[in-house]
Each structure stands twice: as structure tokens, then as C-alpha cells.
Amino acid sequence: MNARLNLMENPVTAKFFRHIITANKAIEESTLPRPTQELVKLRASQINGCGFCTDMHYKDAVHEGEAATRLNLVAAWREATVFTDAERAALELAEEGTRIADAAGGVPDEVWANAAKHFDEDQLAALVGLIALINAFNRGNVLVQQPAGDYQPGMFG
């Protein structure tokens, strides 16, 4: 299977993705815990059906020491007992922010308030940026049918 378009070789998409990769650095350098970042990226990627990002973020999380049990339960986080209250709040915000078109009023105030109980303003800002960025990555990869399964941690630098 080949992608419809090579996102990193086409000059327009390469420039675009370089900019969002740079924006992602601000999130990575934030105080939002790295495990939470990977859980959020994994869950949004699952919802969006982005095989490439699902593969990438699962493997990156394992590489960083995350337990496979937790990663395997991300899609069923509501029933799983392996997540902290803060991680649950982040996953809920990620789901609502990813499925924004499904809710006429956008992200409910209760979801935001729950996240605000667990994260300070800078961490909330990082979550907002992270959710927006992973959705952009997912949409690009899904549009071009980016193949999944061959990602290796660290292969992009």
C-alpha cells in the first residue's frame, strides 16, 4: 500500500507539516506529563481512524516505558481502572475535542471544568494545542491513506 501523496516530499505539504512539527515542540516542552501526551495522541488517533498515528504513538509510548496494558485499554478508558483521574480528564477532553462536530455546542463546560481540576492553565493550554495538532496530523494521514505498521521510535529525529 502506498500513500496517495508523499507528505514530506511534496513542497507544500512538507512546509505545512514542518510548521506543525515545530508547533508540537512547544507541547513536548510543556509541563503536561509525557504519558498523558501519548495517551491523548493515541486516543484521538484511534477515533480518527489514523493507523499511522495509532501505530506511532503506541510504539513511542512503549519506548518511553508505558505499560502495554494501559495502552491497550485507551479505547475503553471509561471502564479501565489503570488511569489516573487526571489522565481520564485529559482523555475525555481529547475525545470531546476530536469529536467536536458531533456536539452542536462544542466541548461541554463540565468536560472543561473536570480537566481544569487536574491541570494548571499552561497544561490546559498544552492539552488544547496537543488535541488540535494530533487532529491535524491524523487528518493529513487519513486523507492520503498513509500506510501504518512500519514506524520505529525515533525515526523522525
Protein backbone atom coordinates (compact mmCIF):
# COMPACT_ATOMS: atom_id res chain seq x y z
CA MET A 1 0.00 0.00 0.00
CA ASN A 2 1.30 3.44 -0.93
CA ALA A 3 0.13 6.83 0.25
CA ARG A 4 -1.75 8.93 -2.29
CA LEU A 5 0.76 11.74 -1.75
CA ASN A 6 4.13 11.82 -0.03
CA LEU A 7 3.52 14.46 2.62
CA MET A 8 7.21 15.08 3.29
CA GLU A 9 8.33 15.22 -0.34
CA ASN A 10 5.64 17.48 -1.76
CA PRO A 11 6.89 21.05 -1.17
CA VAL A 12 3.54 22.40 0.00
CA THR A 13 2.68 19.64 2.47
CA ALA A 14 6.31 19.34 3.61
CA LYS A 15 6.33 23.03 4.54
CA PHE A 16 2.96 22.71 6.28
CA PHE A 17 3.95 19.64 8.30
CA ARG A 18 7.32 21.17 9.25
CA HIS A 19 5.38 24.05 10.81
CA ILE A 20 3.08 21.80 12.83
CA ILE A 21 6.03 19.64 13.88
CA THR A 22 7.66 22.81 15.18
CA ALA A 23 4.44 23.72 17.00
CA ASN A 24 4.47 20.26 18.59
CA LYS A 25 7.84 21.09 20.22
CA ALA A 26 6.07 23.65 22.44
CA ILE A 27 3.75 20.91 23.68
CA GLU A 28 6.60 18.43 24.26
CA GLU A 29 8.47 21.06 26.29
CA SER A 30 5.44 21.91 28.42
CA THR A 31 4.76 20.60 31.93
CA LEU A 32 1.95 18.39 30.63
CA PRO A 33 3.15 14.88 31.60
CA ARG A 34 4.59 12.90 28.69
CA PRO A 35 2.50 9.80 29.45
CA THR A 36 -0.64 11.96 29.27
CA GLN A 37 0.53 13.42 25.97
CA GLU A 38 0.94 9.96 24.45
CA LEU A 39 -2.41 8.73 25.78
CA VAL A 40 -4.17 11.76 24.27
CA LYS A 41 -2.43 11.34 20.90
CA LEU A 42 -3.25 7.64 20.86
CA ARG A 43 -6.93 8.16 21.70
CA ALA A 44 -7.50 10.92 19.13
CA SER A 45 -5.74 8.81 16.50
CA GLN A 46 -7.98 5.84 17.30
CA ILE A 47 -11.12 7.97 17.00
CA ASN A 48 -9.95 9.44 13.70
CA GLY A 49 -9.01 6.04 12.28
CA CYS A 50 -5.43 7.13 11.67
CA GLY A 51 -3.50 3.87 11.55
CA PHE A 52 -0.16 5.61 11.05
CA CYS A 53 -0.51 7.78 14.17
CA THR A 54 -2.04 4.96 16.22
CA ASP A 55 0.98 2.82 15.39
CA MET A 56 3.42 5.67 16.05
CA HIS A 57 2.04 6.76 19.40
CA TYR A 58 1.59 3.23 20.69
CA LYS A 59 5.21 2.43 19.84
CA ASP A 60 6.53 5.76 21.15
CA ALA A 61 4.70 5.24 24.44
CA VAL A 62 6.07 1.70 24.83
CA HIS A 63 9.54 3.01 24.00
CA GLU A 64 9.15 5.59 26.79
CA GLY A 65 8.22 2.83 29.25
CA GLU A 66 4.42 2.88 29.14
CA ALA A 67 2.71 -0.39 30.02
CA ALA A 68 1.06 -2.23 27.14
CA THR A 69 -1.97 -2.91 29.36
CA ARG A 70 -2.70 0.80 29.71
CA LEU A 71 -2.21 1.44 26.00
CA ASN A 72 -4.47 -1.45 25.07
CA LEU A 73 -7.19 -0.01 27.30
CA VAL A 74 -7.09 3.57 25.97
CA ALA A 75 -10.10 2.97 23.73
CA ALA A 76 -12.04 1.70 26.77
CA TRP A 77 -10.65 4.18 29.31
CA ARG A 78 -14.02 4.76 30.98
CA GLU A 79 -14.19 1.16 32.17
CA ALA A 80 -10.46 0.69 32.79
CA THR A 81 -9.01 1.02 36.27
CA VAL A 82 -5.45 1.78 35.12
CA PHE A 83 -5.76 5.53 34.52
CA THR A 84 -5.48 8.38 37.00
CA ASP A 85 -8.28 10.92 37.37
CA ALA A 86 -6.09 13.47 35.57
CA GLU A 87 -5.50 11.08 32.66
CA ARG A 88 -9.23 10.38 32.48
CA ALA A 89 -9.94 14.11 32.33
CA ALA A 90 -7.37 14.52 29.54
CA LEU A 91 -8.80 11.58 27.59
CA GLU A 92 -12.32 12.96 27.96
CA LEU A 93 -11.20 16.39 26.73
CA ALA A 94 -9.37 14.73 23.83
CA GLU A 95 -12.48 12.79 22.83
CA GLU A 96 -14.74 15.82 23.02
CA GLY A 97 -12.22 17.99 21.16
CA THR A 98 -11.75 15.35 18.48
CA ARG A 99 -15.49 14.74 18.05
CA ILE A 100 -16.28 18.45 18.10
CA ALA A 101 -18.56 18.19 15.08
CA ASP A 102 -20.71 15.60 16.88
CA ALA A 103 -21.72 18.07 19.59
CA ALA A 104 -23.69 21.10 18.50
CA GLY A 105 -22.34 23.14 21.39
CA GLY A 106 -18.72 22.03 21.15
CA VAL A 107 -16.87 20.83 24.24
CA PRO A 108 -19.22 20.85 27.25
CA ASP A 109 -18.37 23.11 30.19
CA GLU A 110 -18.37 20.09 32.52
CA VAL A 111 -15.62 18.43 30.50
CA TRP A 112 -13.51 21.58 30.58
CA ALA A 113 -14.12 22.06 34.31
CA ASN A 114 -13.09 18.48 35.01
CA ALA A 115 -9.83 18.97 33.12
CA ALA A 116 -9.24 22.28 34.92
CA LYS A 117 -9.41 20.44 38.27
CA HIS A 118 -6.35 18.41 37.29
CA PHE A 119 -4.26 20.70 35.11
CA ASP A 120 -2.99 24.26 35.53
CA GLU A 121 -3.53 26.90 32.86
CA ASP A 122 -0.29 26.13 30.99
CA GLN A 123 -1.06 22.42 30.99
CA LEU A 124 -4.59 23.11 29.74
CA ALA A 125 -3.09 25.27 27.00
CA ALA A 126 -0.76 22.39 26.12
CA LEU A 127 -3.73 19.99 26.02
CA VAL A 128 -5.67 22.30 23.70
CA GLY A 129 -2.66 22.63 21.40
CA LEU A 130 -1.96 18.90 21.52
CA ILE A 131 -5.54 17.95 20.66
CA ALA A 132 -5.58 20.42 17.77
CA LEU A 133 -2.21 19.22 16.48
CA ILE A 134 -2.89 15.49 16.65
CA ASN A 135 -6.17 16.03 14.84
CA ALA A 136 -4.30 17.91 12.09
CA PHE A 137 -1.73 15.11 11.79
CA ASN A 138 -4.50 12.49 11.76
CA ARG A 139 -6.49 14.23 9.07
CA GLY A 140 -3.48 14.63 6.81
CA ASN A 141 -2.52 10.98 7.15
CA VAL A 142 -6.08 9.71 6.68
CA LEU A 143 -6.59 11.90 3.60
CA VAL A 144 -3.54 10.44 1.86
CA GLN A 145 -4.06 6.90 3.23
CA GLN A 146 -0.65 6.86 4.91
CA PRO A 147 0.29 3.19 5.46
CA ALA A 148 0.71 2.00 9.05
CA GLY A 149 2.84 -0.59 10.78
CA ASP A 150 6.42 0.26 9.81
CA TYR A 151 7.05 3.11 12.25
CA GLN A 152 10.07 2.76 14.54
CA PRO A 153 10.54 5.05 17.58
CA GLY A 154 12.91 7.90 16.78
CA MET A 155 12.76 7.50 13.03
CA PHE A 156 11.76 11.16 12.59
CA GLY A 157 14.54 12.60 14.70
